[in-house]
Amino acid sequence: MDLNYYPYPSRRTVMVGKRGAVATSQPQAALAGMEMLLAGGNAADAALAMAIALTVLEPTSNGIGSDAFALIWDGKLHGLNASGPSPSQLEPSAFEGMQEIPARGWLPVTVPGAPASWRAVSERFGKLPFERLFEPAIRYAEEGFAVSPVTARGWGRSAETFLKMSGPEHRAFNEVFFPGGRGPRAGEVWRSPGHAATLREIASSHAESFYRGALAQKTAEFAAATGGWLTQADLAAYEPEWVEPISAQYGGLELHEIPPNGQGIAALMALKILGGFDMARAAHDPVEYLHLQIEAMKLAFADAQAEVTDPRHMRVSSAQLLDETYLSGRRRLIGDTAHAAEAGIPKGGTVYLCAADGELMVSFIQSNYMGFGAGVLVPGTGISLQNRGAGFVLEPGHPNRYAPAKRPFHTIIPGFLTRGGKPLGPFGVMGGHMQPQGHLQVVLGLEDMGLNPQAVLDAPRWQWVKGKQVMLEPSVPQHVVQGLIDRGHQVVIQPEAGLFGRGQIILRQGEILFAGSEPRADGQALAW
């Protein structure tokens, strides 16, 4: 790949280094990661410091009450599923008469997995003391930080949604995040003393307080007082799960994902469907090339939305969904014109980060959901709770139908790339329904187009929405737009860059690390 070749408008060039690299959606979080590397920590320490700092720096997308997933290479690839289940006492009868699970309030709240993920990764892979990883985040929360432009924009747009929610479960949330009736503007300083105090307690107790101590008690008591179902028993029972990653090969690249309950399998299915076409030939015809990608993604999404849930409740296995004979049949459904396939449309609200050093590579993703999540904050703590339960469906007989103590279909997916079994590095593209589509487009850009890590993030993107509808960025050439329309795609030119995901990537070649950060976000890649 040519590191001086940037065929698309970019504000950034690829970062290069030898000893370590970090990349995430907030420059100040990237600095927190680099701070750990400079202090003698490794990539796991850097990744966790970034993840913890992002709960302060980007509360519009994640928080202490988030879920998390990770892929970590230390000579072998390890997967961590730190998504939480629904409350054990919340019965399906609570949703009687509803068509879908509400997006806000206590009903969609599931057990948060992020603090447990921090402890699990630190204990298994970290070098620095656990408490050290929290220092930058505590500093940002206590002393305040200047809010970055893209985050401030999302914060301000969320005000209308959350300020009209006046129940007692929402009061503390609005007081913390919308003081004076609005979110902070770009460049304004925001502080959260409650957040700092909670992070100190999580650090000193190694997250034990969050699940079995004083913080767990505060969360459960607030839930009981305001109509929630989360209990101390739910929190105490929680443990994240180390899992075996799943993968698919495309050309010379292998893409690795976390298995269900995440949607990473959709990216793998789409890649395997495309592997049966002559994509090298198709790449010379950009209309054909995009058409095949969109159609393969539709088929993969339709299956993922129909089957993926907590693996204990799935009707089919990951191996069956990735079976070549099955996917060959799906491939034959793709013709020269657009077809309509249906899938749900999950909303975003996620941060992605990655880190690498001489020994470790970490792909880590952390999220509330739909932006700020449930709009529920435990008073005095800064613990903003996710609304991942909105990922369940209420359709009778569906494997992802709501049930107590069950993990929902999950949108967040870290990615990892190898070539010939050797590590290339971590990457991710956050953003709800866009995530597997972003993974697919990054892999194709690297393998088919030979793009460098920054250029592959700069490249114009598409997003299939539903039916035959597909969104394209304005930078997609007009002849390509017209060609897709001629094939029956319902094209929408979408100038809102945030709808096309926000990615980070670190790749290794020899002893050199190359890092890129999404131009659609406030992000930053650093290498040394």
Protein backbone atom coordinates (compact mmCIF):
# COMPACT_ATOMS: atom_id res chain seq x y z
CA MET A 1 0.00 0.00 0.00
CA ASP A 2 1.16 3.54 -0.80
CA LEU A 3 1.22 5.65 2.37
CA ASN A 4 1.29 8.83 0.29
CA TYR A 5 -1.78 7.88 -1.74
CA TYR A 6 -4.92 9.63 -0.43
CA PRO A 7 -7.48 9.49 -3.25
CA TYR A 8 -10.23 11.00 -1.12
CA PRO A 9 -10.38 14.38 0.64
CA SER A 10 -8.73 14.01 4.05
CA ARG A 11 -7.79 16.22 6.92
CA ARG A 12 -5.39 13.55 8.15
CA THR A 13 -2.48 11.39 7.12
CA VAL A 14 -1.69 7.94 8.45
CA MET A 15 0.24 7.88 11.75
CA VAL A 16 3.38 5.74 11.87
CA GLY A 17 5.33 4.43 14.84
CA LYS A 18 7.41 1.56 16.12
CA ARG A 19 6.75 1.19 19.84
CA GLY A 20 3.02 1.70 20.19
CA ALA A 21 -0.14 3.23 18.75
CA VAL A 22 -3.62 4.24 19.90
CA ALA A 23 -6.71 5.45 18.07
CA THR A 24 -10.14 6.50 19.24
CA SER A 25 -12.96 8.97 18.66
CA GLN A 26 -11.73 11.62 21.15
CA PRO A 27 -8.24 13.19 21.03
CA GLN A 28 -8.15 13.59 24.81
CA ALA A 29 -8.96 9.89 25.21
CA ALA A 30 -6.16 9.03 22.77
CA LEU A 31 -3.84 11.05 25.01
CA ALA A 32 -5.01 9.00 28.00
CA GLY A 33 -4.01 5.85 26.15
CA MET A 34 -0.63 7.26 25.16
CA GLU A 35 -0.11 8.35 28.77
CA MET A 36 -0.29 4.69 29.80
CA LEU A 37 2.19 3.61 27.14
CA LEU A 38 4.65 6.32 28.19
CA ALA A 39 4.24 5.20 31.83
CA GLY A 40 5.45 1.70 30.92
CA GLY A 41 2.04 0.17 30.32
CA ASN A 42 1.05 -2.02 27.40
CA ALA A 43 -1.71 -1.91 24.79
CA ALA A 44 -4.25 -3.39 27.22
CA ASP A 45 -3.55 -0.61 29.73
CA ALA A 46 -3.80 1.99 26.98
CA ALA A 47 -7.07 0.61 25.65
CA LEU A 48 -8.67 0.52 29.10
CA ALA A 49 -7.54 4.05 29.97
CA MET A 50 -9.17 5.24 26.73
CA ALA A 51 -12.36 3.28 27.40
CA ILE A 52 -12.67 4.66 30.92
CA ALA A 53 -11.88 8.22 29.79
CA LEU A 54 -14.49 8.01 27.03
CA THR A 55 -17.26 7.53 29.63
CA VAL A 56 -16.47 11.14 30.61
CA LEU A 57 -15.39 12.64 27.29
CA GLU A 58 -18.15 11.20 25.09
CA PRO A 59 -21.22 10.53 27.29
CA THR A 60 -23.35 10.95 24.17
CA SER A 61 -22.27 7.44 23.15
CA ASN A 62 -21.21 5.50 26.23
CA GLY A 63 -20.97 5.58 30.00
CA ILE A 64 -20.15 3.66 33.16
CA GLY A 65 -23.41 1.78 32.60
CA SER A 66 -22.37 0.53 29.13
CA ASP A 67 -21.68 -2.90 27.67
CA ALA A 68 -18.37 -3.77 26.01
CA PHE A 69 -16.73 -6.32 23.70
CA ALA A 70 -13.05 -6.90 22.96
CA LEU A 71 -10.73 -8.87 20.68
CA ILE A 72 -7.16 -9.16 22.00
CA TRP A 73 -4.11 -10.62 20.28
CA ASP A 74 -1.18 -11.87 22.36
CA GLY A 75 0.00 -14.56 19.96
CA LYS A 76 -3.55 -15.91 19.87
CA LEU A 77 -6.84 -14.08 19.42
CA HIS A 78 -9.11 -13.90 22.47
CA GLY A 79 -12.69 -12.62 22.55
CA LEU A 80 -14.51 -11.00 25.47
CA ASN A 81 -18.29 -10.63 25.59
CA ALA A 82 -19.16 -8.14 28.32
CA SER A 83 -22.79 -7.59 27.39
CA GLY A 84 -25.31 -7.88 30.17
CA PRO A 85 -28.62 -9.75 30.46
CA SER A 86 -32.09 -8.39 31.11
CA PRO A 87 -33.23 -8.12 34.75
CA SER A 88 -34.25 -11.48 36.20
CA GLN A 89 -37.45 -10.06 37.71
CA LEU A 90 -38.70 -8.25 34.59
CA GLU A 91 -41.31 -10.57 33.10
CA PRO A 92 -42.63 -10.43 29.50
CA SER A 93 -46.05 -9.41 30.86
CA ALA A 94 -44.58 -5.93 31.50
CA PHE A 95 -44.66 -5.37 27.73
CA GLU A 96 -48.25 -6.48 27.19
CA GLY A 97 -49.98 -4.36 24.55
CA MET A 98 -46.69 -2.94 23.23
CA GLN A 99 -45.44 -3.42 19.68
CA GLU A 100 -41.80 -2.91 20.67
CA ILE A 101 -39.74 -2.35 23.79
CA PRO A 102 -39.55 1.36 24.71
CA ALA A 103 -36.25 3.07 23.99
CA ARG A 104 -36.04 5.06 27.24
CA GLY A 105 -36.71 4.59 30.92
CA TRP A 106 -36.20 1.43 32.97
CA LEU A 107 -37.82 -1.12 30.66
CA PRO A 108 -34.87 -1.41 28.23
CA VAL A 109 -32.14 -1.30 30.92
CA THR A 110 -29.91 -4.40 31.08
CA VAL A 111 -27.06 -5.25 33.45
CA PRO A 112 -24.01 -3.11 32.54
CA GLY A 113 -20.93 -5.07 31.50
CA ALA A 114 -18.30 -2.37 30.92
CA PRO A 115 -16.79 -2.12 34.45
CA ALA A 116 -16.45 -5.91 34.59
CA SER A 117 -14.75 -5.86 31.18
CA TRP A 118 -12.18 -3.34 32.44
CA ARG A 119 -11.29 -5.60 35.34
CA ALA A 120 -11.22 -8.76 33.21
CA VAL A 121 -8.89 -7.31 30.57
CA SER A 122 -6.63 -5.67 33.16
CA GLU A 123 -6.28 -8.85 35.21
CA ARG A 124 -5.49 -11.03 32.21
CA PHE A 125 -3.37 -8.73 30.05
CA GLY A 126 -2.50 -5.46 31.84
CA LYS A 127 0.82 -4.38 33.36
CA LEU A 128 -0.07 -1.21 35.26
CA PRO A 129 -2.04 -1.11 38.53
CA PHE A 130 -5.80 -1.02 37.86
CA GLU A 131 -6.15 2.29 39.73
CA ARG A 132 -3.62 3.96 37.40
CA LEU A 133 -5.88 3.39 34.39
CA PHE A 134 -8.55 5.65 35.88
CA GLU A 135 -6.40 8.70 36.53
CA PRO A 136 -6.97 10.55 33.22
CA ALA A 137 -10.75 9.96 33.33
CA ILE A 138 -10.99 11.16 36.94
CA ARG A 139 -8.97 14.24 36.02
CA TYR A 140 -11.26 15.05 33.10
CA ALA A 141 -14.39 14.55 35.21
CA GLU A 142 -13.15 16.52 38.20
CA GLU A 143 -11.27 19.38 36.54
CA GLY A 144 -13.49 19.51 33.46
CA PHE A 145 -12.63 19.35 29.78
CA ALA A 146 -13.47 21.33 26.66
CA VAL A 147 -16.18 19.48 24.74
CA SER A 148 -15.16 18.62 21.17
CA PRO A 149 -17.20 19.77 18.13
CA VAL A 150 -18.83 16.55 16.88
CA THR A 151 -19.67 15.43 20.42
CA ALA A 152 -21.16 18.84 21.23
CA ARG A 153 -23.32 18.65 18.13
CA GLY A 154 -24.75 15.28 19.10
CA TRP A 155 -25.21 16.43 22.69
CA GLY A 156 -27.20 19.46 21.62
CA ARG A 157 -29.43 17.48 19.28
CA SER A 158 -30.24 15.05 22.09
CA ALA A 159 -31.63 17.78 24.34
CA GLU A 160 -35.07 17.75 22.74
CA THR A 161 -35.43 14.01 23.31
CA PHE A 162 -34.34 13.88 26.93
CA LEU A 163 -35.53 17.18 28.38
CA LYS A 164 -39.15 16.32 27.68
CA MET A 165 -38.83 13.21 29.86
CA SER A 166 -39.87 14.36 33.31
CA GLY A 167 -40.28 11.17 35.37
CA PRO A 168 -38.28 10.73 38.59
CA GLU A 169 -35.98 8.21 36.90
CA HIS A 170 -34.90 10.93 34.41
CA ARG A 171 -34.43 13.88 36.78
CA ALA A 172 -30.80 13.26 37.79
CA PHE A 173 -29.86 12.42 34.19
CA ASN A 174 -31.09 15.77 32.89
CA GLU A 175 -29.53 17.72 35.77
CA VAL A 176 -26.10 16.22 35.00
CA PHE A 177 -26.09 16.23 31.21
CA PHE A 178 -28.34 19.23 30.43
CA PRO A 179 -27.67 21.80 33.16
CA GLY A 180 -29.56 24.99 32.43
CA GLY A 181 -31.74 23.13 29.95
CA ARG A 182 -29.13 22.49 27.24
CA GLY A 183 -26.03 20.51 26.46
CA PRO A 184 -22.57 22.10 26.44
CA ARG A 185 -21.51 23.75 23.20
CA ALA A 186 -18.24 23.04 21.41
CA GLY A 187 -15.35 24.43 23.42
CA GLU A 188 -17.36 24.81 26.62
CA VAL A 189 -16.07 23.06 29.75
CA TRP A 190 -18.15 20.28 31.30
CA ARG A 191 -17.53 18.60 34.65
CA SER A 192 -19.08 15.66 36.47
CA PRO A 193 -17.92 15.34 40.11
CA GLY A 194 -20.24 12.37 40.69
CA HIS A 195 -18.62 10.61 37.77
CA ALA A 196 -15.16 11.19 39.25
CA ALA A 197 -16.18 9.83 42.66
CA THR A 198 -17.69 6.69 41.11
CA LEU A 199 -14.63 6.03 38.98
CA ARG A 200 -12.46 6.30 42.10
CA GLU A 201 -14.62 3.72 43.84
CA ILE A 202 -14.60 1.36 40.85
CA ALA A 203 -10.80 1.73 40.68
CA SER A 204 -10.13 1.14 44.36
CA SER A 205 -12.54 -1.82 44.59
CA HIS A 206 -11.53 -3.32 41.23
CA ALA A 207 -15.18 -2.92 40.13
CA GLU A 208 -16.42 -4.98 43.09
CA SER A 209 -18.41 -2.04 44.45
CA PHE A 210 -20.24 -1.70 41.14
CA TYR A 211 -21.50 -5.27 41.21
CA ARG A 212 -21.54 -6.32 44.88
CA GLY A 213 -20.93 -3.24 47.03
CA ALA A 214 -22.06 0.30 47.71
CA LEU A 215 -22.52 1.29 44.06
CA ALA A 216 -24.62 -1.81 43.38
CA GLN A 217 -26.80 -0.95 46.36
CA LYS A 218 -27.30 2.63 45.14
CA THR A 219 -28.26 1.42 41.67
CA ALA A 220 -30.71 -1.17 42.97
CA GLU A 221 -32.28 1.22 45.49
CA PHE A 222 -32.78 3.88 42.81
CA ALA A 223 -34.37 1.30 40.52
CA ALA A 224 -36.72 0.13 43.25
CA ALA A 225 -37.70 3.72 44.09
CA THR A 226 -38.40 4.79 40.50
CA GLY A 227 -40.04 1.77 38.88
CA GLY A 228 -36.96 -0.15 37.72
CA TRP A 229 -36.25 -3.89 37.80
CA LEU A 230 -32.48 -4.03 38.15
CA THR A 231 -31.62 -5.65 41.50
CA GLN A 232 -28.52 -6.23 43.60
CA ALA A 233 -28.86 -9.92 42.78
CA ASP A 234 -28.75 -9.15 39.02
CA LEU A 235 -25.57 -7.13 39.45
CA ALA A 236 -23.93 -9.61 41.81
CA ALA A 237 -24.55 -12.51 39.42
CA TYR A 238 -22.86 -10.83 36.46
CA GLU A 239 -19.57 -11.99 34.95
CA PRO A 240 -18.23 -11.26 31.45
CA GLU A 241 -17.50 -14.23 29.21
CA TRP A 242 -14.33 -15.12 27.32
CA VAL A 243 -15.41 -16.49 23.93
CA GLU A 244 -13.85 -18.00 20.82
CA PRO A 245 -13.88 -15.51 17.92
CA ILE A 246 -15.51 -16.42 14.60
CA SER A 247 -13.95 -15.58 11.24
CA ALA A 248 -14.18 -15.53 7.46
CA GLN A 249 -11.56 -15.22 4.74
CA TYR A 250 -11.71 -12.72 1.89
CA GLY A 251 -8.83 -12.87 -0.55
CA GLY A 252 -5.73 -12.99 1.63
CA LEU A 253 -7.37 -11.35 4.64
CA GLU A 254 -9.11 -13.02 7.55
CA LEU A 255 -11.74 -10.98 9.38
CA HIS A 256 -12.44 -11.96 13.00
CA GLU A 257 -15.53 -11.05 14.99
CA ILE A 258 -17.17 -11.78 18.34
CA PRO A 259 -19.81 -14.53 17.97
CA PRO A 260 -23.50 -13.86 18.71
CA ASN A 261 -25.20 -12.21 20.52
CA GLY A 262 -23.37 -9.56 18.45
CA GLN A 263 -24.03 -8.76 14.79
CA GLY A 264 -20.44 -9.27 13.63
CA ILE A 265 -21.54 -12.49 11.96
CA ALA A 266 -23.42 -10.37 9.38
CA ALA A 267 -20.12 -8.91 8.13
CA LEU A 268 -18.63 -12.40 7.88
CA MET A 269 -21.64 -13.75 5.97
CA ALA A 270 -21.57 -10.85 3.52
CA LEU A 271 -17.84 -11.32 2.92
CA LYS A 272 -18.27 -15.03 2.26
CA ILE A 273 -21.14 -14.32 -0.14
CA LEU A 274 -18.96 -11.83 -2.03
CA GLY A 275 -16.08 -14.30 -2.09
CA GLY A 276 -18.02 -16.32 -4.66
CA PHE A 277 -17.96 -13.43 -7.17
CA ASP A 278 -15.01 -12.18 -9.21
CA MET A 279 -14.63 -9.04 -7.12
CA ALA A 280 -11.30 -8.12 -8.72
CA ARG A 281 -13.13 -7.83 -12.06
CA ALA A 282 -16.11 -6.11 -10.47
CA ALA A 283 -13.84 -3.49 -8.87
CA HIS A 284 -13.22 -2.05 -12.34
CA ASP A 285 -16.94 -1.24 -12.58
CA PRO A 286 -17.82 0.81 -9.47
CA VAL A 287 -21.56 0.40 -10.02
CA GLU A 288 -21.32 -3.40 -10.19
CA TYR A 289 -18.88 -3.40 -7.26
CA LEU A 290 -21.19 -1.43 -4.95
CA HIS A 291 -24.30 -3.27 -6.16
CA LEU A 292 -22.83 -6.65 -5.17
CA GLN A 293 -21.77 -5.33 -1.76
CA ILE A 294 -25.19 -3.88 -1.01
CA GLU A 295 -27.05 -7.01 -2.09
CA ALA A 296 -24.77 -9.33 -0.09
CA MET A 297 -25.17 -7.15 2.99
CA LYS A 298 -28.96 -7.23 2.72
CA LEU A 299 -29.00 -11.02 2.71
CA ALA A 300 -26.62 -11.23 5.66
CA PHE A 301 -28.65 -8.72 7.67
CA ALA A 302 -31.91 -10.50 6.98
CA ASP A 303 -30.47 -13.70 8.44
CA ALA A 304 -28.77 -12.00 11.37
CA GLN A 305 -31.93 -10.14 12.34
CA ALA A 306 -33.95 -13.34 12.11
CA GLU A 307 -31.60 -15.58 14.08
CA VAL A 308 -29.04 -13.75 16.24
CA THR A 309 -29.64 -13.41 19.97
CA ASP A 310 -28.23 -14.81 23.20
CA PRO A 311 -26.58 -18.01 21.87
CA ARG A 312 -28.40 -20.10 24.50
CA HIS A 313 -31.64 -19.23 22.68
CA MET A 314 -30.55 -19.45 19.03
CA ARG A 315 -32.22 -21.91 16.65
CA VAL A 316 -29.10 -22.20 14.50
CA SER A 317 -25.39 -22.01 15.25
CA SER A 318 -22.80 -19.56 13.93
CA ALA A 319 -21.28 -22.44 11.97
CA GLN A 320 -24.60 -23.09 10.24
CA LEU A 321 -25.00 -19.41 9.30
CA LEU A 322 -21.44 -19.36 7.92
CA ASP A 323 -21.76 -22.69 6.11
CA GLU A 324 -20.52 -22.37 2.54
CA THR A 325 -23.30 -24.50 1.06
CA TYR A 326 -25.92 -22.35 2.72
CA LEU A 327 -24.25 -19.12 1.65
CA SER A 328 -23.90 -20.38 -1.93
CA GLY A 329 -27.68 -20.60 -2.03
CA ARG A 330 -27.97 -17.07 -0.69
CA ARG A 331 -25.44 -15.88 -3.28
CA ARG A 332 -27.62 -17.18 -6.11
CA LEU A 333 -30.36 -14.75 -5.03
CA ILE A 334 -28.24 -11.81 -6.15
CA GLY A 335 -29.06 -10.58 -9.65
CA ASP A 336 -28.38 -7.48 -11.69
CA THR A 337 -31.06 -5.40 -9.96
CA ALA A 338 -31.85 -4.47 -6.38
CA HIS A 339 -34.07 -6.78 -4.36
CA ALA A 340 -35.89 -5.97 -1.14
CA ALA A 341 -34.73 -7.66 2.05
CA GLU A 342 -35.88 -6.56 5.46
CA ALA A 343 -33.95 -6.11 8.66
CA GLY A 344 -34.36 -4.00 11.73
CA ILE A 345 -32.60 -0.66 11.93
CA PRO A 346 -30.70 -0.38 15.24
CA LYS A 347 -29.61 3.11 16.25
CA GLY A 348 -26.04 4.10 17.15
CA GLY A 349 -24.46 5.29 20.37
CA THR A 350 -21.03 3.69 20.60
CA VAL A 351 -17.31 4.40 21.04
CA TYR A 352 -14.59 2.30 19.45
CA LEU A 353 -10.88 2.31 20.30
CA CYS A 354 -7.80 0.28 19.54
CA ALA A 355 -4.25 0.04 20.80
CA ALA A 356 -1.10 -1.87 19.89
CA ASP A 357 2.44 -2.33 21.14
CA GLY A 358 5.21 -4.81 20.47
CA GLU A 359 3.34 -7.72 22.05
CA LEU A 360 -0.38 -6.96 22.32
CA MET A 361 -3.10 -5.65 20.00
CA VAL A 362 -6.50 -4.65 21.38
CA SER A 363 -9.79 -4.02 19.60
CA PHE A 364 -12.33 -2.64 22.08
CA ILE A 365 -15.86 -1.29 21.74
CA GLN A 366 -18.13 0.17 24.40
CA SER A 367 -21.64 1.53 24.18
CA ASN A 368 -24.86 2.64 25.75
CA TYR A 369 -27.27 2.61 22.78
CA MET A 370 -29.25 5.20 20.83
CA GLY A 371 -26.91 7.92 22.01
CA PHE A 372 -27.15 8.50 25.75
CA GLY A 373 -28.97 5.24 26.41
CA ALA A 374 -31.98 4.93 28.71
CA GLY A 375 -31.90 8.49 30.01
CA VAL A 376 -31.54 7.05 33.51
CA LEU A 377 -28.69 8.11 35.80
CA VAL A 378 -28.17 6.88 39.36
CA PRO A 379 -28.17 10.15 41.39
CA GLY A 380 -24.80 11.35 42.61
CA THR A 381 -22.84 8.68 40.76
CA GLY A 382 -22.51 9.60 37.09
CA ILE A 383 -23.70 6.06 36.23
CA SER A 384 -25.71 6.55 33.03
CA LEU A 385 -27.47 3.32 32.13
CA GLN A 386 -27.73 1.74 28.70
CA ASN A 387 -30.95 0.72 26.95
CA ARG A 388 -29.70 -2.45 25.27
CA GLY A 389 -32.97 -4.21 26.06
CA ALA A 390 -34.43 -2.27 23.13
CA GLY A 391 -32.50 -4.74 20.98
CA PHE A 392 -35.03 -7.46 21.88
CA VAL A 393 -38.20 -8.05 19.86
CA LEU A 394 -41.68 -8.92 21.15
CA GLU A 395 -42.66 -11.17 18.25
CA PRO A 396 -43.90 -14.56 19.54
CA GLY A 397 -41.59 -17.41 18.63
CA HIS A 398 -38.68 -15.19 17.56
CA PRO A 399 -35.36 -16.37 19.06
CA ASN A 400 -34.60 -12.77 20.09
CA ARG A 401 -37.93 -12.34 21.87
CA TYR A 402 -37.60 -10.72 25.27
CA ALA A 403 -37.12 -12.98 28.30
CA PRO A 404 -35.69 -12.39 31.79
CA ALA A 405 -31.95 -12.94 32.34
CA LYS A 406 -31.31 -13.05 28.57
CA ARG A 407 -28.81 -11.13 26.45
CA PRO A 408 -30.35 -9.23 23.51
CA PHE A 409 -29.22 -8.95 19.91
CA HIS A 410 -26.28 -6.56 20.17
CA THR A 411 -25.00 -4.07 17.61
CA ILE A 412 -21.48 -3.32 18.85
CA ILE A 413 -18.69 -5.32 17.21
CA PRO A 414 -14.90 -4.98 17.47
CA GLY A 415 -12.99 -6.25 14.45
CA PHE A 416 -9.56 -7.81 13.98
CA LEU A 417 -7.59 -8.65 10.83
CA THR A 418 -5.00 -11.33 10.14
CA ARG A 419 -3.23 -12.45 6.99
CA GLY A 420 -2.11 -16.05 6.77
CA GLY A 421 -2.84 -16.41 10.46
CA LYS A 422 -0.46 -13.59 11.39
CA PRO A 423 -1.84 -10.42 13.03
CA LEU A 424 -2.42 -7.29 10.98
CA GLY A 425 -4.33 -5.46 13.65
CA PRO A 426 -7.52 -4.14 15.24
CA PHE A 427 -10.18 -1.98 13.64
CA GLY A 428 -13.80 -1.01 14.07
CA VAL A 429 -16.53 1.20 12.64
CA MET A 430 -19.09 2.20 15.26
CA GLY A 431 -22.67 3.20 14.58
CA GLY A 432 -25.59 0.80 15.05
CA HIS A 433 -26.76 -0.77 11.77
CA MET A 434 -23.68 0.69 10.03
CA GLN A 435 -21.14 -1.40 11.91
CA PRO A 436 -21.03 -4.64 9.89
CA GLN A 437 -21.47 -2.58 6.73
CA GLY A 438 -18.46 -0.50 7.76
CA HIS A 439 -16.43 -3.62 8.53
CA LEU A 440 -17.25 -4.99 5.08
CA GLN A 441 -16.22 -1.77 3.34
CA VAL A 442 -12.94 -1.51 5.26
CA VAL A 443 -11.96 -5.09 4.39
CA LEU A 444 -12.77 -4.55 0.70
CA GLY A 445 -10.88 -1.25 0.65
CA LEU A 446 -7.78 -2.85 2.14
CA GLU A 447 -7.83 -6.03 0.08
CA ASP A 448 -9.30 -4.99 -3.29
CA MET A 449 -8.17 -1.38 -3.48
CA GLY A 450 -4.87 -1.58 -1.55
CA LEU A 451 -5.73 1.48 0.54
CA ASN A 452 -3.67 2.50 3.55
CA PRO A 453 -5.29 2.64 7.02
CA GLN A 454 -6.21 6.33 6.83
CA ALA A 455 -7.39 6.27 3.23
CA VAL A 456 -9.65 3.27 3.89
CA LEU A 457 -11.45 5.33 6.57
CA ASP A 458 -11.64 8.38 4.28
CA ALA A 459 -13.26 6.48 1.42
CA PRO A 460 -16.90 7.36 0.53
CA ARG A 461 -19.36 5.03 2.22
CA TRP A 462 -22.78 3.56 1.58
CA GLN A 463 -25.32 2.29 4.07
CA TRP A 464 -28.23 0.00 3.28
CA VAL A 465 -31.23 1.14 5.31
CA LYS A 466 -34.16 -1.16 4.46
CA GLY A 467 -35.88 -2.66 1.44
CA LYS A 468 -34.20 -1.18 -1.62
CA GLN A 469 -33.20 2.04 0.13
CA VAL A 470 -29.50 2.84 0.35
CA MET A 471 -27.80 6.01 1.59
CA LEU A 472 -24.69 7.32 -0.14
CA GLU A 473 -22.28 10.02 0.94
CA PRO A 474 -22.19 13.11 -1.31
CA SER A 475 -18.64 12.25 -2.38
CA VAL A 476 -19.81 9.15 -4.27
CA PRO A 477 -19.43 10.05 -7.99
CA GLN A 478 -22.62 10.98 -9.82
CA HIS A 479 -22.25 8.27 -12.46
CA VAL A 480 -22.14 5.66 -9.70
CA VAL A 481 -25.25 7.15 -8.08
CA GLN A 482 -27.09 7.05 -11.40
CA GLY A 483 -25.91 3.52 -12.12
CA LEU A 484 -27.32 2.26 -8.80
CA ILE A 485 -30.61 4.03 -9.47
CA ASP A 486 -30.77 2.33 -12.87
CA ARG A 487 -30.39 -1.02 -11.10
CA GLY A 488 -33.43 -0.32 -8.94
CA HIS A 489 -31.77 0.97 -5.77
CA GLN A 490 -33.65 3.76 -4.02
CA VAL A 491 -30.73 6.11 -3.47
CA VAL A 492 -30.65 8.86 -0.86
CA ILE A 493 -27.69 11.24 -0.85
CA GLN A 494 -27.05 11.80 2.85
CA PRO A 495 -24.81 14.72 3.92
CA GLU A 496 -24.94 13.75 7.63
CA ALA A 497 -21.49 12.16 7.98
CA GLY A 498 -22.22 10.63 11.38
CA LEU A 499 -24.72 8.20 9.87
CA PHE A 500 -21.89 6.42 8.05
CA GLY A 501 -20.00 5.35 11.15
CA ARG A 502 -16.86 6.45 12.90
CA GLY A 503 -13.86 4.15 12.60
CA GLN A 504 -10.36 3.60 13.95
CA ILE A 505 -7.65 1.24 12.74
CA ILE A 506 -4.11 0.12 13.58
CA LEU A 507 -2.23 -2.23 11.25
CA ARG A 508 1.25 -3.72 11.58
CA GLN A 509 3.71 -4.35 8.77
CA GLY A 510 6.98 -5.77 10.02
CA GLU A 511 7.91 -3.77 13.10
CA ILE A 512 6.03 -0.62 12.06
CA LEU A 513 2.53 0.33 13.22
CA PHE A 514 0.24 2.37 10.96
CA ALA A 515 -2.79 4.05 12.57
CA GLY A 516 -5.77 5.93 11.18
CA SER A 517 -8.74 7.73 12.72
CA GLU A 518 -12.14 8.49 11.26
CA PRO A 519 -12.52 11.89 9.55
CA ARG A 520 -16.26 11.82 10.38
CA ALA A 521 -15.57 12.21 14.11
CA ASP A 522 -13.42 14.19 16.54
CA GLY A 523 -11.01 11.26 16.72
CA GLN A 524 -7.27 10.97 16.86
CA ALA A 525 -4.65 8.36 16.09
CA LEU A 526 -1.25 8.59 17.79
CA ALA A 527 1.87 6.50 17.29
CA TRP A 528 5.41 6.58 18.67
